[in-house]
């Protein structure tokens, strides 16, 4: 990220390039969350879910809301966060099946959010 992009994100200003970068990182973390969850590695799945949430929140902060794809991106990303948080909670309580059900929904919203983000 360039100096001006970093300053824009720190200032809370829309930055399409940063939003796209974080959206792609969100999707990468969601994929890792699913891969490790499918293998039964609950602690690693939770770590990737937490990283996914972090990138998702950073992307949301950088998204210009005056763009139709920006609005769609934010809607999907908020859903991704909700399901990832639920997956973490279910995983921490030892319910792998429910954790993976929510992780799968988080992944679907992350995929849609990233698709819209890349079209901004």
PDB file of N, CA and C in Angstrom:
ATOM      1  N   UNK A   1       0.859  -1.165   0.000  1.00  0.00           N
ATOM      2  CA  UNK A   1       0.000   0.000   0.000  1.00  0.00           C
ATOM      3  C   UNK A   1       0.898   1.218   0.000  1.00  0.00           C
ATOM      4  N   UNK A   2       0.575   2.175  -0.851  1.00  0.00           N
ATOM      5  CA  UNK A   2       1.352   3.398  -0.940  1.00  0.00           C
ATOM      6  C   UNK A   2       1.134   4.294   0.257  1.00  0.00           C
ATOM      7  N   UNK A   3       2.006   5.276   0.389  1.00  0.00           N
ATOM      8  CA  UNK A   3       1.948   6.205   1.515  1.00  0.00           C
ATOM      9  C   UNK A   3       0.608   6.923   1.592  1.00  0.00           C
ATOM     10  N   UNK A   4       0.138   7.441   0.455  1.00  0.00           N
ATOM     11  CA  UNK A   4      -1.144   8.160   0.452  1.00  0.00           C
ATOM     12  C   UNK A   4      -2.306   7.230   0.753  1.00  0.00           C
ATOM     13  N   UNK A   5      -2.256   5.993   0.245  1.00  0.00           N
ATOM     14  CA  UNK A   5      -3.309   5.029   0.554  1.00  0.00           C
ATOM     15  C   UNK A   5      -3.330   4.722   2.038  1.00  0.00           C
ATOM     16  N   UNK A   6      -2.154   4.546   2.627  1.00  0.00           N
ATOM     17  CA  UNK A   6      -2.073   4.275   4.064  1.00  0.00           C
ATOM     18  C   UNK A   6      -2.640   5.439   4.859  1.00  0.00           C
ATOM     19  N   UNK A   7      -2.332   6.662   4.425  1.00  0.00           N
ATOM     20  CA  UNK A   7      -2.860   7.835   5.127  1.00  0.00           C
ATOM     21  C   UNK A   7      -4.374   7.922   4.981  1.00  0.00           C
ATOM     22  N   UNK A   8      -4.898   7.593   3.813  1.00  0.00           N
ATOM     23  CA  UNK A   8      -6.348   7.649   3.594  1.00  0.00           C
ATOM     24  C   UNK A   8      -7.065   6.655   4.490  1.00  0.00           C
ATOM     25  N   UNK A   9      -6.516   5.439   4.596  1.00  0.00           N
ATOM     26  CA  UNK A   9      -7.130   4.425   5.444  1.00  0.00           C
ATOM     27  C   UNK A   9      -7.062   4.849   6.904  1.00  0.00           C
ATOM     28  N   UNK A  10      -5.911   5.381   7.343  1.00  0.00           N
ATOM     29  CA  UNK A  10      -5.787   5.849   8.721  1.00  0.00           C
ATOM     30  C   UNK A  10      -6.776   6.964   9.003  1.00  0.00           C
ATOM     31  N   UNK A  11      -7.035   7.795   8.041  1.00  0.00           N
ATOM     32  CA  UNK A  11      -7.960   8.908   8.226  1.00  0.00           C
ATOM     33  C   UNK A  11      -9.413   8.464   8.085  1.00  0.00           C
ATOM     34  N   UNK A  12      -9.641   7.195   7.731  1.00  0.00           N
ATOM     35  CA  UNK A  12     -10.992   6.696   7.563  1.00  0.00           C
ATOM     36  C   UNK A  12     -11.637   7.121   6.256  1.00  0.00           C
ATOM     37  N   UNK A  13     -10.824   7.540   5.287  1.00  0.00           N
ATOM     38  CA  UNK A  13     -11.341   7.967   3.992  1.00  0.00           C
ATOM     39  C   UNK A  13     -11.469   6.765   3.058  1.00  0.00           C
ATOM     40  N   UNK A  14     -12.416   6.801   2.134  1.00  0.00           N
ATOM     41  CA  UNK A  14     -12.543   5.707   1.175  1.00  0.00           C
ATOM     42  C   UNK A  14     -11.260   5.543   0.352  1.00  0.00           C
ATOM     43  N   UNK A  15     -10.872   4.309   0.129  1.00  0.00           N
ATOM     44  CA  UNK A  15      -9.674   3.997  -0.643  1.00  0.00           C
ATOM     45  C   UNK A  15      -9.936   2.673  -1.359  1.00  0.00           C
ATOM     46  N   UNK A  16     -10.321   2.753  -2.624  1.00  0.00           N
ATOM     47  CA  UNK A  16     -10.723   1.571  -3.373  1.00  0.00           C
ATOM     48  C   UNK A  16      -9.609   0.532  -3.427  1.00  0.00           C
ATOM     49  N   UNK A  17      -8.382   0.970  -3.651  1.00  0.00           N
ATOM     50  CA  UNK A  17      -7.262   0.026  -3.749  1.00  0.00           C
ATOM     51  C   UNK A  17      -7.095  -0.754  -2.444  1.00  0.00           C
ATOM     52  N   UNK A  18      -7.136  -0.063  -1.315  1.00  0.00           N
ATOM     53  CA  UNK A  18      -7.014  -0.729  -0.015  1.00  0.00           C
ATOM     54  C   UNK A  18      -8.212  -1.640   0.233  1.00  0.00           C
ATOM     55  N   UNK A  19      -9.399  -1.195  -0.143  1.00  0.00           N
ATOM     56  CA  UNK A  19     -10.599  -2.014   0.046  1.00  0.00           C
ATOM     57  C   UNK A  19     -10.486  -3.319  -0.734  1.00  0.00           C
ATOM     58  N   UNK A  20     -10.020  -3.227  -1.975  1.00  0.00           N
ATOM     59  CA  UNK A  20      -9.856  -4.426  -2.802  1.00  0.00           C
ATOM     60  C   UNK A  20      -8.816  -5.367  -2.210  1.00  0.00           C
ATOM     61  N   UNK A  21      -7.717  -4.808  -1.721  1.00  0.00           N
ATOM     62  CA  UNK A  21      -6.662  -5.619  -1.130  1.00  0.00           C
ATOM     63  C   UNK A  21      -7.186  -6.364   0.102  1.00  0.00           C
ATOM     64  N   UNK A  22      -7.885  -5.653   0.979  1.00  0.00           N
ATOM     65  CA  UNK A  22      -8.413  -6.295   2.186  1.00  0.00           C
ATOM     66  C   UNK A  22      -9.526  -7.285   1.851  1.00  0.00           C
ATOM     67  N   UNK A  23     -10.308  -6.997   0.827  1.00  0.00           N
ATOM     68  CA  UNK A  23     -11.356  -7.930   0.411  1.00  0.00           C
ATOM     69  C   UNK A  23     -10.739  -9.238  -0.071  1.00  0.00           C
ATOM     70  N   UNK A  24      -9.650  -9.153  -0.831  1.00  0.00           N
ATOM     71  CA  UNK A  24      -8.976 -10.367  -1.292  1.00  0.00           C
ATOM     72  C   UNK A  24      -8.361 -11.114  -0.115  1.00  0.00           C
ATOM     73  N   UNK A  25      -7.776 -10.393   0.833  1.00  0.00           N
ATOM     74  CA  UNK A  25      -7.210 -11.030   2.026  1.00  0.00           C
ATOM     75  C   UNK A  25      -8.309 -11.686   2.854  1.00  0.00           C
ATOM     76  N   UNK A  26      -9.471 -11.037   2.938  1.00  0.00           N
ATOM     77  CA  UNK A  26     -10.625 -11.610   3.632  1.00  0.00           C
ATOM     78  C   UNK A  26     -10.983 -12.957   3.012  1.00  0.00           C
ATOM     79  N   UNK A  27     -11.054 -13.000   1.689  1.00  0.00           N
ATOM     80  CA  UNK A  27     -11.408 -14.233   0.997  1.00  0.00           C
ATOM     81  C   UNK A  27     -10.348 -15.309   1.215  1.00  0.00           C
ATOM     82  N   UNK A  28      -9.077 -14.935   1.159  1.00  0.00           N
ATOM     83  CA  UNK A  28      -8.004 -15.903   1.399  1.00  0.00           C
ATOM     84  C   UNK A  28      -8.112 -16.505   2.793  1.00  0.00           C
ATOM     85  N   UNK A  29      -8.372 -15.662   3.791  1.00  0.00           N
ATOM     86  CA  UNK A  29      -8.517 -16.157   5.169  1.00  0.00           C
ATOM     87  C   UNK A  29      -9.759 -17.038   5.302  1.00  0.00           C
ATOM     88  N   UNK A  30     -10.835 -16.675   4.613  1.00  0.00           N
ATOM     89  CA  UNK A  30     -12.053 -17.491   4.651  1.00  0.00           C
ATOM     90  C   UNK A  30     -11.787 -18.873   4.053  1.00  0.00           C
ATOM     91  N   UNK A  31     -11.027 -18.928   2.973  1.00  0.00           N
ATOM     92  CA  UNK A  31     -10.686 -20.215   2.362  1.00  0.00           C
ATOM     93  C   UNK A  31      -9.863 -21.066   3.318  1.00  0.00           C
ATOM     94  N   UNK A  32      -8.904 -20.444   3.998  1.00  0.00           N
ATOM     95  CA  UNK A  32      -8.094 -21.178   4.971  1.00  0.00           C
ATOM     96  C   UNK A  32      -8.945 -21.631   6.159  1.00  0.00           C
ATOM     97  N   UNK A  33      -9.884 -20.783   6.579  1.00  0.00           N
ATOM     98  CA  UNK A  33     -10.803 -21.140   7.655  1.00  0.00           C
ATOM     99  C   UNK A  33     -11.553 -22.420   7.279  1.00  0.00           C
ATOM    100  N   UNK A  34     -12.074 -22.469   6.069  1.00  0.00           N
ATOM    101  CA  UNK A  34     -12.818 -23.642   5.615  1.00  0.00           C
ATOM    102  C   UNK A  34     -11.916 -24.871   5.503  1.00  0.00           C
ATOM    103  N   UNK A  35     -10.735 -24.700   4.926  1.00  0.00           N
ATOM    104  CA  UNK A  35      -9.819 -25.834   4.759  1.00  0.00           C
ATOM    105  C   UNK A  35      -9.470 -26.470   6.099  1.00  0.00           C
ATOM    106  N   UNK A  36      -9.115 -25.645   7.069  1.00  0.00           N
ATOM    107  CA  UNK A  36      -8.724 -26.185   8.370  1.00  0.00           C
ATOM    108  C   UNK A  36      -9.926 -26.720   9.137  1.00  0.00           C
ATOM    109  N   UNK A  37     -11.070 -26.077   9.004  1.00  0.00           N
ATOM    110  CA  UNK A  37     -12.278 -26.593   9.645  1.00  0.00           C
ATOM    111  C   UNK A  37     -12.656 -27.956   9.093  1.00  0.00           C
ATOM    112  N   UNK A  38     -12.545 -28.121   7.773  1.00  0.00           N
ATOM    113  CA  UNK A  38     -12.849 -29.411   7.150  1.00  0.00           C
ATOM    114  C   UNK A  38     -11.922 -30.513   7.645  1.00  0.00           C
ATOM    115  N   UNK A  39     -10.715 -30.137   8.045  1.00  0.00           N
ATOM    116  CA  UNK A  39      -9.748 -31.106   8.555  1.00  0.00           C
ATOM    117  C   UNK A  39      -9.886 -31.319  10.060  1.00  0.00           C
ATOM    118  N   UNK A  40     -10.814 -30.589  10.689  1.00  0.00           N
ATOM    119  CA  UNK A  40     -11.029 -30.733  12.127  1.00  0.00           C
ATOM    120  C   UNK A  40     -10.058 -29.943  12.979  1.00  0.00           C
ATOM    121  N   UNK A  41      -9.311 -29.038  12.380  1.00  0.00           N
ATOM    122  CA  UNK A  41      -8.349 -28.209  13.117  1.00  0.00           C
ATOM    123  C   UNK A  41      -9.061 -26.960  13.639  1.00  0.00           C
ATOM    124  N   UNK A  42      -9.817 -27.142  14.709  1.00  0.00           N
ATOM    125  CA  UNK A  42     -10.680 -26.074  15.200  1.00  0.00           C
ATOM    126  C   UNK A  42      -9.900 -24.830  15.597  1.00  0.00           C
ATOM    127  N   UNK A  43      -8.776 -24.991  16.302  1.00  0.00           N
ATOM    128  CA  UNK A  43      -8.024 -23.818  16.755  1.00  0.00           C
ATOM    129  C   UNK A  43      -7.479 -23.006  15.577  1.00  0.00           C
ATOM    130  N   UNK A  44      -7.031 -23.680  14.528  1.00  0.00           N
ATOM    131  CA  UNK A  44      -6.508 -22.990  13.350  1.00  0.00           C
ATOM    132  C   UNK A  44      -7.662 -22.358  12.569  1.00  0.00           C
ATOM    133  N   UNK A  45      -8.797 -23.050  12.510  1.00  0.00           N
ATOM    134  CA  UNK A  45      -9.977 -22.489  11.851  1.00  0.00           C
ATOM    135  C   UNK A  45     -10.379 -21.182  12.520  1.00  0.00           C
ATOM    136  N   UNK A  46     -10.379 -21.178  13.849  1.00  0.00           N
ATOM    137  CA  UNK A  46     -10.749 -19.978  14.603  1.00  0.00           C
ATOM    138  C   UNK A  46      -9.768 -18.847  14.325  1.00  0.00           C
ATOM    139  N   UNK A  47      -8.483 -19.155  14.266  1.00  0.00           N
ATOM    140  CA  UNK A  47      -7.472 -18.126  13.974  1.00  0.00           C
ATOM    141  C   UNK A  47      -7.707 -17.484  12.609  1.00  0.00           C
ATOM    142  N   UNK A  48      -8.032 -18.311  11.623  1.00  0.00           N
ATOM    143  CA  UNK A  48      -8.298 -17.771  10.283  1.00  0.00           C
ATOM    144  C   UNK A  48      -9.610 -16.988  10.254  1.00  0.00           C
ATOM    145  N   UNK A  49     -10.593 -17.413  11.030  1.00  0.00           N
ATOM    146  CA  UNK A  49     -11.857 -16.666  11.110  1.00  0.00           C
ATOM    147  C   UNK A  49     -11.606 -15.289  11.721  1.00  0.00           C
ATOM    148  N   UNK A  50     -10.777 -15.242  12.746  1.00  0.00           N
ATOM    149  CA  UNK A  50     -10.449 -13.952  13.374  1.00  0.00           C
ATOM    150  C   UNK A  50      -9.702 -13.040  12.402  1.00  0.00           C
ATOM    151  N   UNK A  51      -8.762 -13.613  11.644  1.00  0.00           N
ATOM    152  CA  UNK A  51      -8.024 -12.820  10.648  1.00  0.00           C
ATOM    153  C   UNK A  51      -8.963 -12.357   9.536  1.00  0.00           C
ATOM    154  N   UNK A  52      -9.913 -13.213   9.166  1.00  0.00           N
ATOM    155  CA  UNK A  52     -10.892 -12.837   8.150  1.00  0.00           C
ATOM    156  C   UNK A  52     -11.709 -11.640   8.614  1.00  0.00           C
ATOM    157  N   UNK A  53     -12.146 -11.674   9.862  1.00  0.00           N
ATOM    158  CA  UNK A  53     -12.929 -10.570  10.421  1.00  0.00           C
ATOM    159  C   UNK A  53     -12.112  -9.281  10.411  1.00  0.00           C
ATOM    160  N   UNK A  54     -10.840  -9.375  10.784  1.00  0.00           N
ATOM    161  CA  UNK A  54      -9.969  -8.192  10.811  1.00  0.00           C
ATOM    162  C   UNK A  54      -9.875  -7.557   9.420  1.00  0.00           C
ATOM    163  N   UNK A  55      -9.604  -8.373   8.408  1.00  0.00           N
ATOM    164  CA  UNK A  55      -9.492  -7.839   7.039  1.00  0.00           C
ATOM    165  C   UNK A  55     -10.836  -7.308   6.544  1.00  0.00           C
ATOM    166  N   UNK A  56     -11.905  -7.968   6.934  1.00  0.00           N
ATOM    167  CA  UNK A  56     -13.233  -7.527   6.505  1.00  0.00           C
ATOM    168  C   UNK A  56     -13.547  -6.150   7.066  1.00  0.00           C
ATOM    169  N   UNK A  57     -13.265  -5.954   8.345  1.00  0.00           N
ATOM    170  CA  UNK A  57     -13.518  -4.650   8.968  1.00  0.00           C
ATOM    171  C   UNK A  57     -12.654  -3.563   8.332  1.00  0.00           C
ATOM    172  N   UNK A  58     -11.406  -3.890   8.023  1.00  0.00           N
ATOM    173  CA  UNK A  58     -10.523  -2.911   7.382  1.00  0.00           C
ATOM    174  C   UNK A  58     -11.021  -2.577   5.974  1.00  0.00           C
ATOM    175  N   UNK A  59     -11.531  -3.583   5.273  1.00  0.00           N
ATOM    176  CA  UNK A  59     -12.081  -3.330   3.937  1.00  0.00           C
ATOM    177  C   UNK A  59     -13.299  -2.422   4.021  1.00  0.00           C
ATOM    178  N   UNK A  60     -14.185  -2.700   4.963  1.00  0.00           N
ATOM    179  CA  UNK A  60     -15.401  -1.892   5.110  1.00  0.00           C
ATOM    180  C   UNK A  60     -15.049  -0.428   5.348  1.00  0.00           C
ATOM    181  N   UNK A  61     -14.036  -0.182   6.176  1.00  0.00           N
ATOM    182  CA  UNK A  61     -13.632   1.197   6.464  1.00  0.00           C
ATOM    183  C   UNK A  61     -13.133   1.925   5.218  1.00  0.00           C
ATOM    184  N   UNK A  62     -12.595   1.179   4.253  1.00  0.00           N
ATOM    185  CA  UNK A  62     -11.992   1.797   3.070  1.00  0.00           C
ATOM    186  C   UNK A  62     -12.940   1.876   1.872  1.00  0.00           C
ATOM    187  N   UNK A  63     -14.122   1.296   1.984  1.00  0.00           N
ATOM    188  CA  UNK A  63     -15.039   1.219   0.841  1.00  0.00           C
ATOM    189  C   UNK A  63     -15.798   2.528   0.642  1.00  0.00           C
ATOM    190  N   UNK A  64     -15.793   3.046  -0.584  1.00  0.00           N
ATOM    191  CA  UNK A  64     -16.605   4.234  -0.878  1.00  0.00           C
ATOM    192  C   UNK A  64     -18.076   3.826  -1.009  1.00  0.00           C
ATOM    193  N   UNK A  65     -18.916   4.398  -0.180  1.00  0.00           N
ATOM    194  CA  UNK A  65     -20.326   4.009  -0.164  1.00  0.00           C
ATOM    195  C   UNK A  65     -21.150   4.673  -1.260  1.00  0.00           C
ATOM    196  N   UNK A  66     -20.533   5.571  -2.021  1.00  0.00           N
ATOM    197  CA  UNK A  66     -21.251   6.195  -3.128  1.00  0.00           C
ATOM    198  C   UNK A  66     -21.189   5.339  -4.396  1.00  0.00           C
ATOM    199  N   UNK A  67     -20.620   4.162  -4.285  1.00  0.00           N
ATOM    200  CA  UNK A  67     -20.481   3.231  -5.396  1.00  0.00           C
ATOM    201  C   UNK A  67     -21.466   2.082  -5.172  1.00  0.00           C
ATOM    202  N   UNK A  68     -22.250   1.705  -6.176  1.00  0.00           N
ATOM    203  CA  UNK A  68     -23.237   0.632  -6.020  1.00  0.00           C
ATOM    204  C   UNK A  68     -22.574  -0.669  -5.587  1.00  0.00           C
ATOM    205  N   UNK A  69     -21.392  -0.958  -6.107  1.00  0.00           N
ATOM    206  CA  UNK A  69     -20.689  -2.168  -5.692  1.00  0.00           C
ATOM    207  C   UNK A  69     -20.188  -2.033  -4.258  1.00  0.00           C
ATOM    208  N   UNK A  70     -19.882  -0.812  -3.849  1.00  0.00           N
ATOM    209  CA  UNK A  70     -19.464  -0.582  -2.468  1.00  0.00           C
ATOM    210  C   UNK A  70     -20.564  -0.937  -1.494  1.00  0.00           C
ATOM    211  N   UNK A  71     -21.780  -0.534  -1.804  1.00  0.00           N
ATOM    212  CA  UNK A  71     -22.923  -0.843  -0.932  1.00  0.00           C
ATOM    213  C   UNK A  71     -23.157  -2.345  -0.854  1.00  0.00           C
ATOM    214  N   UNK A  72     -23.120  -3.025  -1.990  1.00  0.00           N
ATOM    215  CA  UNK A  72     -23.303  -4.482  -2.019  1.00  0.00           C
ATOM    216  C   UNK A  72     -22.176  -5.183  -1.268  1.00  0.00           C
ATOM    217  N   UNK A  73     -20.965  -4.677  -1.449  1.00  0.00           N
ATOM    218  CA  UNK A  73     -19.812  -5.257  -0.769  1.00  0.00           C
ATOM    219  C   UNK A  73     -20.000  -5.196   0.733  1.00  0.00           C
ATOM    220  N   UNK A  74     -20.370  -4.034   1.242  1.00  0.00           N
ATOM    221  CA  UNK A  74     -20.535  -3.851   2.687  1.00  0.00           C
ATOM    222  C   UNK A  74     -21.620  -4.774   3.231  1.00  0.00           C
ATOM    223  N   UNK A  75     -22.726  -4.911   2.524  1.00  0.00           N
ATOM    224  CA  UNK A  75     -23.802  -5.791   2.990  1.00  0.00           C
ATOM    225  C   UNK A  75     -23.305  -7.223   3.145  1.00  0.00           C
ATOM    226  N   UNK A  76     -22.605  -7.725   2.132  1.00  0.00           N
ATOM    227  CA  UNK A  76     -22.090  -9.097   2.208  1.00  0.00           C
ATOM    228  C   UNK A  76     -21.012  -9.228   3.283  1.00  0.00           C
ATOM    229  N   UNK A  77     -20.173  -8.223   3.409  1.00  0.00           N
ATOM    230  CA  UNK A  77     -19.104  -8.293   4.402  1.00  0.00           C
ATOM    231  C   UNK A  77     -19.653  -8.294   5.824  1.00  0.00           C
ATOM    232  N   UNK A  78     -20.694  -7.533   6.076  1.00  0.00           N
ATOM    233  CA  UNK A  78     -21.299  -7.541   7.412  1.00  0.00           C
ATOM    234  C   UNK A  78     -21.888  -8.914   7.725  1.00  0.00           C
ATOM    235  N   UNK A  79     -22.502  -9.537   6.737  1.00  0.00           N
ATOM    236  CA  UNK A  79     -23.018 -10.902   6.920  1.00  0.00           C
ATOM    237  C   UNK A  79     -21.864 -11.879   7.160  1.00  0.00           C
ATOM    238  N   UNK A  80     -20.767 -11.699   6.429  1.00  0.00           N
ATOM    239  CA  UNK A  80     -19.599 -12.566   6.611  1.00  0.00           C
ATOM    240  C   UNK A  80     -19.069 -12.455   8.035  1.00  0.00           C
ATOM    241  N   UNK A  81     -19.000 -11.239   8.554  1.00  0.00           N
ATOM    242  CA  UNK A  81     -18.533 -11.033   9.928  1.00  0.00           C
ATOM    243  C   UNK A  81     -19.463 -11.726  10.913  1.00  0.00           C
ATOM    244  N   UNK A  82     -20.768 -11.526  10.756  1.00  0.00           N
ATOM    245  CA  UNK A  82     -21.733 -12.143  11.677  1.00  0.00           C
ATOM    246  C   UNK A  82     -21.572 -13.658  11.716  1.00  0.00           C
ATOM    247  N   UNK A  83     -21.464 -14.280  10.552  1.00  0.00           N
ATOM    248  CA  UNK A  83     -21.341 -15.740  10.506  1.00  0.00           C
ATOM    249  C   UNK A  83     -19.970 -16.208  10.993  1.00  0.00           C
ATOM    250  N   UNK A  84     -18.922 -15.457  10.707  1.00  0.00           N
ATOM    251  CA  UNK A  84     -17.590 -15.835  11.196  1.00  0.00           C
ATOM    252  C   UNK A  84     -17.548 -15.753  12.720  1.00  0.00           C
ATOM    253  N   UNK A  85     -18.159 -14.718  13.288  1.00  0.00           N
ATOM    254  CA  UNK A  85     -18.209 -14.606  14.750  1.00  0.00           C
ATOM    255  C   UNK A  85     -18.995 -15.762  15.357  1.00  0.00           C
ATOM    256  N   UNK A  86     -20.074 -16.143  14.709  1.00  0.00           N
ATOM    257  CA  UNK A  86     -20.865 -17.285  15.188  1.00  0.00           C
ATOM    258  C   UNK A  86     -20.055 -18.578  15.062  1.00  0.00           C
ATOM    259  N   UNK A  87     -19.306 -18.724  13.967  1.00  0.00           N
ATOM    260  CA  UNK A  87     -18.456 -19.907  13.786  1.00  0.00           C
ATOM    261  C   UNK A  87     -17.409 -19.983  14.890  1.00  0.00           C
ATOM    262  N   UNK A  88     -16.833 -18.841  15.241  1.00  0.00           N
ATOM    263  CA  UNK A  88     -15.838 -18.809  16.320  1.00  0.00           C
ATOM    264  C   UNK A  88     -16.477 -19.258  17.629  1.00  0.00           C
ATOM    265  N   UNK A  89     -17.638 -18.700  17.948  1.00  0.00           N
ATOM    266  CA  UNK A  89     -18.323 -19.065  19.187  1.00  0.00           C
ATOM    267  C   UNK A  89     -18.657 -20.542  19.248  1.00  0.00           C
ATOM    268  N   UNK A  90     -19.187 -21.068  18.158  1.00  0.00           N
ATOM    269  CA  UNK A  90     -19.530 -22.503  18.117  1.00  0.00           C
ATOM    270  C   UNK A  90     -18.270 -23.357  18.195  1.00  0.00           C
ATOM    271  N   UNK A  91     -17.210 -22.911  17.537  1.00  0.00           N
ATOM    272  CA  UNK A  91     -15.953 -23.653  17.585  1.00  0.00           C
ATOM    273  C   UNK A  91     -15.352 -23.669  18.973  1.00  0.00           C
ATOM    274  N   UNK A  92     -15.404 -22.541  19.652  1.00  0.00           N
ATOM    275  CA  UNK A  92     -14.857 -22.464  21.008  1.00  0.00           C
ATOM    276  C   UNK A  92     -15.640 -23.336  21.984  1.00  0.00           C
ATOM    277  N   UNK A  93     -16.915 -23.562  21.686  1.00  0.00           N
ATOM    278  CA  UNK A  93     -17.717 -24.432  22.556  1.00  0.00           C
ATOM    279  C   UNK A  93     -17.631 -25.893  22.122  1.00  0.00           C
ATOM    280  N   UNK A  94     -16.842 -26.164  21.079  1.00  0.00           N
ATOM    281  CA  UNK A  94     -16.592 -27.536  20.655  1.00  0.00           C
ATOM    282  C   UNK A  94     -17.603 -28.113  19.682  1.00  0.00           C
ATOM    283  N   UNK A  95     -18.458 -27.298  19.116  1.00  0.00           N
ATOM    284  CA  UNK A  95     -19.474 -27.782  18.184  1.00  0.00           C
ATOM    285  C   UNK A  95     -18.983 -27.585  16.747  1.00  0.00           C
ATOM    286  N   UNK A  96     -18.202 -28.542  16.270  1.00  0.00           N
ATOM    287  CA  UNK A  96     -17.598 -28.447  14.938  1.00  0.00           C
ATOM    288  C   UNK A  96     -18.651 -28.353  13.838  1.00  0.00           C
ATOM    289  N   UNK A  97     -19.701 -29.136  13.943  1.00  0.00           N
ATOM    290  CA  UNK A  97     -20.720 -29.145  12.892  1.00  0.00           C
ATOM    291  C   UNK A  97     -21.368 -27.769  12.723  1.00  0.00           C
ATOM    292  N   UNK A  98     -21.769 -27.145  13.821  1.00  0.00           N
ATOM    293  CA  UNK A  98     -22.387 -25.816  13.740  1.00  0.00           C
ATOM    294  C   UNK A  98     -21.358 -24.747  13.372  1.00  0.00           C
ATOM    295  N   UNK A  99     -20.127 -24.915  13.856  1.00  0.00           N
ATOM    296  CA  UNK A  99     -19.069 -23.965  13.496  1.00  0.00           C
ATOM    297  C   UNK A  99     -18.860 -23.975  11.991  1.00  0.00           C
ATOM    298  N   UNK A 100     -18.825 -25.156  11.406  1.00  0.00           N
ATOM    299  CA  UNK A 100     -18.606 -25.260   9.964  1.00  0.00           C
ATOM    300  C   UNK A 100     -19.815 -24.767   9.165  1.00  0.00           C
ATOM    301  N   UNK A 101     -21.009 -24.943   9.709  1.00  0.00           N
ATOM    302  CA  UNK A 101     -22.197 -24.426   9.017  1.00  0.00           C
ATOM    303  C   UNK A 101     -22.113 -22.903   8.906  1.00  0.00           C
ATOM    304  N   UNK A 102     -21.709 -22.255   9.997  1.00  0.00           N
ATOM    305  CA  UNK A 102     -21.581 -20.793   9.961  1.00  0.00           C
ATOM    306  C   UNK A 102     -20.352 -20.362   9.156  1.00  0.00           C
ATOM    307  N   UNK A 103     -19.274 -21.134   9.242  1.00  0.00           N
ATOM    308  CA  UNK A 103     -18.081 -20.821   8.449  1.00  0.00           C
ATOM    309  C   UNK A 103     -18.412 -20.882   6.961  1.00  0.00           C
ATOM    310  N   UNK A 104     -19.220 -21.857   6.579  1.00  0.00           N
ATOM    311  CA  UNK A 104     -19.623 -21.993   5.176  1.00  0.00           C
ATOM    312  C   UNK A 104     -20.431 -20.776   4.721  1.00  0.00           C
ATOM    313  N   UNK A 105     -21.332 -20.290   5.579  1.00  0.00           N
ATOM    314  CA  UNK A 105     -22.108 -19.089   5.244  1.00  0.00           C
ATOM    315  C   UNK A 105     -21.199 -17.861   5.184  1.00  0.00           C
ATOM    316  N   UNK A 106     -20.236 -17.786   6.111  1.00  0.00           N
ATOM    317  CA  UNK A 106     -19.278 -16.675   6.093  1.00  0.00           C
ATOM    318  C   UNK A 106     -18.479 -16.697   4.797  1.00  0.00           C
ATOM    319  N   UNK A 107     -18.080 -17.882   4.378  1.00  0.00           N
ATOM    320  CA  UNK A 107     -17.312 -18.035   3.143  1.00  0.00           C
ATOM    321  C   UNK A 107     -18.130 -17.563   1.942  1.00  0.00           C
ATOM    322  N   UNK A 108     -19.398 -17.933   1.893  1.00  0.00           N
ATOM    323  CA  UNK A 108     -20.252 -17.538   0.770  1.00  0.00           C
ATOM    324  C   UNK A 108     -20.385 -16.017   0.702  1.00  0.00           C
ATOM    325  N   UNK A 109     -20.580 -15.381   1.850  1.00  0.00           N
ATOM    326  CA  UNK A 109     -20.697 -13.918   1.858  1.00  0.00           C
ATOM    327  C   UNK A 109     -19.350 -13.254   1.559  1.00  0.00           C
ATOM    328  N   UNK A 110     -18.257 -13.848   2.023  1.00  0.00           N
ATOM    329  CA  UNK A 110     -16.931 -13.305   1.721  1.00  0.00           C
ATOM    330  C   UNK A 110     -16.676 -13.359   0.215  1.00  0.00           C
ATOM    331  N   UNK A 111     -17.062 -14.465  -0.388  1.00  0.00           N
ATOM    332  CA  UNK A 111     -16.874 -14.618  -1.839  1.00  0.00           C
ATOM    333  C   UNK A 111     -17.680 -13.552  -2.590  1.00  0.00           C
ATOM    334  N   UNK A 112     -18.938 -13.360  -2.203  1.00  0.00           N
ATOM    335  CA  UNK A 112     -19.779 -12.350  -2.849  1.00  0.00           C
ATOM    336  C   UNK A 112     -19.248 -10.939  -2.591  1.00  0.00           C
ATOM    337  N   UNK A 113     -18.833 -10.695  -1.349  1.00  0.00           N
ATOM    338  CA  UNK A 113     -18.285  -9.381  -1.014  1.00  0.00           C
ATOM    339  C   UNK A 113     -17.041  -9.064  -1.820  1.00  0.00           C
ATOM    340  N   UNK A 114     -16.164 -10.046  -1.949  1.00  0.00           N
ATOM    341  CA  UNK A 114     -14.942  -9.832  -2.727  1.00  0.00           C
ATOM    342  C   UNK A 114     -15.270  -9.611  -4.198  1.00  0.00           C
ATOM    343  N   UNK A 115     -16.230 -10.354  -4.705  1.00  0.00           N
ATOM    344  CA  UNK A 115     -16.613 -10.190  -6.110  1.00  0.00           C
ATOM    345  C   UNK A 115     -17.088  -8.756  -6.370  1.00  0.00           C
ATOM    346  N   UNK A 116     -17.923  -8.228  -5.492  1.00  0.00           N
ATOM    347  CA  UNK A 116     -18.390  -6.846  -5.657  1.00  0.00           C
ATOM    348  C   UNK A 116     -17.241  -5.853  -5.451  1.00  0.00           C
ATOM    349  N   UNK A 117     -16.380  -6.128  -4.482  1.00  0.00           N
ATOM    350  CA  UNK A 117     -15.264  -5.215  -4.207  1.00  0.00           C
ATOM    351  C   UNK A 117     -14.357  -5.082  -5.424  1.00  0.00           C
ATOM    352  N   UNK A 118     -14.090  -6.180  -6.088  1.00  0.00           N
ATOM    353  CA  UNK A 118     -13.189  -6.141  -7.235  1.00  0.00           C
ATOM    354  C   UNK A 118     -13.811  -5.401  -8.419  1.00  0.00           C
ATOM    355  N   UNK A 119     -15.124  -5.170  -8.385  1.00  0.00           N
ATOM    356  CA  UNK A 119     -15.807  -4.445  -9.462  1.00  0.00           C
ATOM    357  C   UNK A 119     -15.910  -2.949  -9.184  1.00  0.00           C
ATOM    358  N   UNK A 120     -15.441  -2.512  -8.026  1.00  0.00           N
ATOM    359  CA  UNK A 120     -15.513  -1.076  -7.694  1.00  0.00           C
ATOM    360  C   UNK A 120     -14.558  -0.291  -8.572  1.00  0.00           C
TER     361      UNK A 120
END
